[in-house]
Amino acid sequence: MARLSKDKRDRLILVMIGTIAAVVGLWFGVIKTRQERIEESKARLVVAMDNLDKATKRVKLADKVEADLEIATRKLKGIEDTMASGADYSWALLLLEKARAGHEVNVIDVTRPAKGEVGVLAQFPYDAAIFSIRGTAYYHQFGRFLADFENRFPYFRVQNLSLGPGGESATASDGAAARTSDEKLTFKMEIIALIKPTQ
């Protein structure tokens, strides 16, 4: 092989260094940035596919959610149809008679319902009426009455319940009647009733 002159050899070395610099420059300037962008695009694609999968699942659940909403709306409508409405408070007496049916509970006094605050949630769509009931009953009968009352009327809340001994025949003279009255309780409780809004 022929020997190159010093000048040609230096030029050849410069050309090789320039070529290597250009290749390295192309690698880091173009190819590396393109690879980084491709990786970023792949990551965005994975996120977008995950979001699409979640959206597809939500769309599939939309029919079920609508059906559940329809069922809940019908159930709420059914409850509202049995709720008290308006300023006529005869519903309180009718309600107590309905609740008392089948229970040996003697209601002595019912106060006239007064409008009050529900205090449950802000912008709660229902008004409230508060009234007191006073009466007598045997312990187990009162327990059954109270449980039945709370289960049958979910829009009523019992509060400030107080129980005491004795009954209406506490002044009885014979011993049997006095023993019977000792087993009876007197009760007093407040009831908060939700009132159906008027349209």
Protein backbone atom coordinates (compact mmCIF):
# COMPACT_ATOMS: atom_id res chain seq x y z
CA MET A 1 0.00 0.00 0.00
CA ALA A 2 1.25 3.40 -0.83
CA ARG A 3 2.19 5.75 1.85
CA LEU A 4 0.22 8.98 2.06
CA SER A 5 1.84 12.27 2.39
CA LYS A 6 1.55 14.10 5.64
CA ASP A 7 -0.85 16.64 4.17
CA LYS A 8 -3.17 13.97 2.72
CA ARG A 9 -3.00 11.97 5.92
CA ASP A 10 -4.02 15.04 7.98
CA ARG A 11 -6.91 15.73 5.59
CA LEU A 12 -8.01 12.12 5.81
CA ILE A 13 -7.94 12.26 9.61
CA LEU A 14 -9.92 15.54 9.54
CA VAL A 15 -12.46 14.00 7.16
CA MET A 16 -12.81 10.95 9.45
CA ILE A 17 -13.18 13.17 12.55
CA GLY A 18 -15.73 15.30 10.70
CA THR A 19 -17.63 12.23 9.58
CA ILE A 20 -17.66 10.80 13.09
CA ALA A 21 -18.76 14.20 14.48
CA ALA A 22 -21.52 14.43 11.86
CA VAL A 23 -22.73 10.89 12.63
CA VAL A 24 -22.68 11.60 16.39
CA GLY A 25 -24.44 14.93 15.78
CA LEU A 26 -27.09 13.21 13.67
CA TRP A 27 -27.50 10.53 16.32
CA PHE A 28 -28.02 12.93 19.21
CA GLY A 29 -29.70 15.69 17.19
CA VAL A 30 -32.16 13.73 15.11
CA ILE A 31 -32.35 10.03 15.90
CA LYS A 32 -32.24 10.29 19.72
CA THR A 33 -34.90 13.05 19.85
CA ARG A 34 -37.10 11.06 17.47
CA GLN A 35 -36.77 8.00 19.67
CA GLU A 36 -37.72 10.07 22.75
CA ARG A 37 -40.76 11.44 20.92
CA ILE A 38 -41.75 7.94 19.87
CA GLU A 39 -41.52 6.79 23.53
CA GLU A 40 -43.62 9.79 24.64
CA SER A 41 -46.17 8.99 21.94
CA LYS A 42 -46.32 5.38 23.11
CA ALA A 43 -46.92 6.54 26.70
CA ARG A 44 -49.68 8.92 25.56
CA LEU A 45 -51.18 6.12 23.48
CA VAL A 46 -51.27 3.81 26.53
CA VAL A 47 -52.98 6.55 28.60
CA ALA A 48 -55.46 7.26 25.79
CA MET A 49 -56.27 3.54 25.42
CA ASP A 50 -56.80 3.28 29.20
CA ASN A 51 -59.14 6.29 29.10
CA LEU A 52 -60.97 4.79 26.14
CA ASP A 53 -61.37 1.50 28.03
CA LYS A 54 -62.75 3.33 31.08
CA ALA A 55 -65.12 5.36 28.90
CA THR A 56 -66.33 2.19 27.17
CA LYS A 57 -67.05 0.60 30.53
CA ARG A 58 -68.96 3.73 31.63
CA VAL A 59 -71.00 3.69 28.46
CA LYS A 60 -71.86 0.04 29.06
CA LEU A 61 -72.93 0.91 32.62
CA ALA A 62 -75.06 3.86 31.48
CA ASP A 63 -78.11 1.66 30.86
CA LYS A 64 -77.80 0.07 34.30
CA VAL A 65 -77.37 3.48 35.96
CA GLU A 66 -80.43 4.81 34.13
CA ALA A 67 -82.45 1.76 35.19
CA ASP A 68 -81.30 2.18 38.81
CA LEU A 69 -82.20 5.87 38.67
CA GLU A 70 -85.65 5.02 37.32
CA ILE A 71 -86.22 2.47 40.12
CA ALA A 72 -85.05 4.94 42.77
CA THR A 73 -87.26 7.68 41.30
CA ARG A 74 -90.31 5.40 41.37
CA LYS A 75 -89.53 4.35 44.94
CA LEU A 76 -89.16 8.01 46.00
CA LYS A 77 -92.42 8.87 44.24
CA GLY A 78 -94.17 6.03 46.08
CA ILE A 79 -92.86 7.29 49.42
CA GLU A 80 -93.77 10.89 48.59
CA ASP A 81 -97.32 9.79 47.74
CA THR A 82 -97.76 8.59 51.33
CA MET A 83 -96.13 11.67 52.85
CA ALA A 84 -98.06 14.49 54.45
CA SER A 85 -98.53 17.63 52.42
CA GLY A 86 -99.83 21.13 52.92
CA ALA A 87 -100.88 23.03 56.02
CA ASP A 88 -103.79 20.75 56.98
CA TYR A 89 -102.40 18.74 59.90
CA SER A 90 -105.19 16.21 60.17
CA TRP A 91 -102.68 13.81 58.62
CA ALA A 92 -100.91 13.60 61.99
CA LEU A 93 -103.97 12.15 63.70
CA LEU A 94 -104.74 9.83 60.80
CA LEU A 95 -101.16 8.67 60.75
CA LEU A 96 -101.17 7.87 64.46
CA GLU A 97 -104.38 5.90 64.16
CA LYS A 98 -102.92 3.99 61.24
CA ALA A 99 -99.68 3.31 63.14
CA ARG A 100 -101.52 2.41 66.35
CA ALA A 101 -103.69 -0.21 64.65
CA GLY A 102 -102.75 -3.66 65.93
CA HIS A 103 -100.87 -2.33 68.96
CA GLU A 104 -102.15 -1.92 72.49
CA VAL A 105 -100.97 1.65 72.81
CA ASN A 106 -103.13 4.38 74.30
CA VAL A 107 -102.40 7.81 72.84
CA ILE A 108 -103.51 10.45 75.35
CA ASP A 109 -102.38 13.66 73.71
CA VAL A 110 -101.09 14.81 70.34
CA THR A 111 -99.87 18.38 69.97
CA ARG A 112 -100.60 20.36 66.85
CA PRO A 113 -97.66 20.04 64.42
CA ALA A 114 -95.49 23.11 64.02
CA LYS A 115 -93.18 23.85 61.13
CA GLY A 116 -89.53 23.30 61.92
CA GLU A 117 -86.12 22.83 60.37
CA VAL A 118 -85.06 19.39 59.18
CA GLY A 119 -81.38 20.17 59.67
CA VAL A 120 -80.24 17.32 57.44
CA LEU A 121 -78.66 18.85 54.33
CA ALA A 122 -78.33 22.25 52.73
CA GLN A 123 -81.06 22.92 50.16
CA PHE A 124 -83.08 19.96 51.43
CA PRO A 125 -86.29 19.87 49.35
CA TYR A 126 -88.63 18.92 52.20
CA ASP A 127 -90.18 20.95 54.99
CA ALA A 128 -90.64 19.47 58.42
CA ALA A 129 -93.38 19.40 61.01
CA ILE A 130 -92.64 18.62 64.65
CA PHE A 131 -95.30 17.32 67.00
CA SER A 132 -95.38 15.52 70.35
CA ILE A 133 -97.25 12.39 71.39
CA ARG A 134 -98.01 11.39 74.94
CA GLY A 135 -99.55 8.07 75.96
CA THR A 136 -99.36 4.80 77.85
CA ALA A 137 -98.53 1.23 76.89
CA TYR A 138 -97.00 -1.94 78.19
CA TYR A 139 -93.26 -2.14 77.67
CA HIS A 140 -93.25 -4.81 74.94
CA GLN A 141 -96.29 -3.35 73.19
CA PHE A 142 -94.63 0.07 73.09
CA GLY A 143 -91.44 -1.47 71.71
CA ARG A 144 -93.35 -3.21 68.92
CA PHE A 145 -95.32 -0.02 68.19
CA LEU A 146 -92.14 2.07 67.97
CA ALA A 147 -90.33 -0.46 65.75
CA ASP A 148 -93.35 -0.79 63.46
CA PHE A 149 -93.77 2.99 63.33
CA GLU A 150 -90.16 3.62 62.32
CA ASN A 151 -90.15 0.81 59.75
CA ARG A 152 -93.47 1.74 58.10
CA PHE A 153 -92.82 5.47 57.94
CA PRO A 154 -89.21 6.10 56.83
CA TYR A 155 -89.82 9.85 56.51
CA PHE A 156 -90.53 10.22 60.25
CA ARG A 157 -87.91 10.49 62.94
CA VAL A 158 -88.58 9.92 66.65
CA GLN A 159 -86.59 12.09 69.01
CA ASN A 160 -86.63 13.12 72.67
CA LEU A 161 -88.25 9.88 73.77
CA SER A 162 -88.91 9.68 77.50
CA LEU A 163 -90.38 6.72 79.34
CA GLY A 164 -91.74 6.67 82.86
CA PRO A 165 -93.54 4.25 85.15
CA GLY A 166 -97.28 4.18 85.70
CA GLY A 167 -100.34 4.43 83.61
CA GLU A 168 -103.76 5.97 83.46
CA SER A 169 -105.23 3.83 86.25
CA ALA A 170 -102.53 4.58 88.81
CA THR A 171 -105.16 5.71 91.28
CA ALA A 172 -106.98 2.35 91.20
CA SER A 173 -108.00 1.09 94.62
CA ASP A 174 -107.88 -2.68 94.26
CA GLY A 175 -104.53 -4.50 94.21
CA ALA A 176 -104.87 -6.18 90.79
CA ALA A 177 -105.56 -2.92 88.99
CA ALA A 178 -102.70 -1.24 90.83
CA ARG A 179 -100.30 -4.06 89.81
CA THR A 180 -101.47 -3.75 86.19
CA SER A 181 -100.83 -0.02 86.17
CA ASP A 182 -97.36 -0.58 87.64
CA GLU A 183 -96.45 -2.62 84.54
CA LYS A 184 -97.55 0.14 82.18
CA LEU A 185 -95.27 2.88 80.99
CA THR A 186 -96.02 6.47 80.17
CA PHE A 187 -94.21 7.76 77.14
CA LYS A 188 -93.66 11.08 75.49
CA MET A 189 -91.85 11.57 72.21
CA GLU A 190 -91.40 14.15 69.52
CA ILE A 191 -91.82 13.21 65.89
CA ILE A 192 -90.22 15.08 63.04
CA ALA A 193 -92.24 14.48 59.89
CA LEU A 194 -91.03 15.39 56.43
CA ILE A 195 -93.69 17.20 54.43
CA LYS A 196 -93.97 16.74 50.68
CA PRO A 197 -93.12 19.98 48.88
CA THR A 198 -95.97 21.63 47.04
CA GLN A 199 -95.40 22.17 43.33
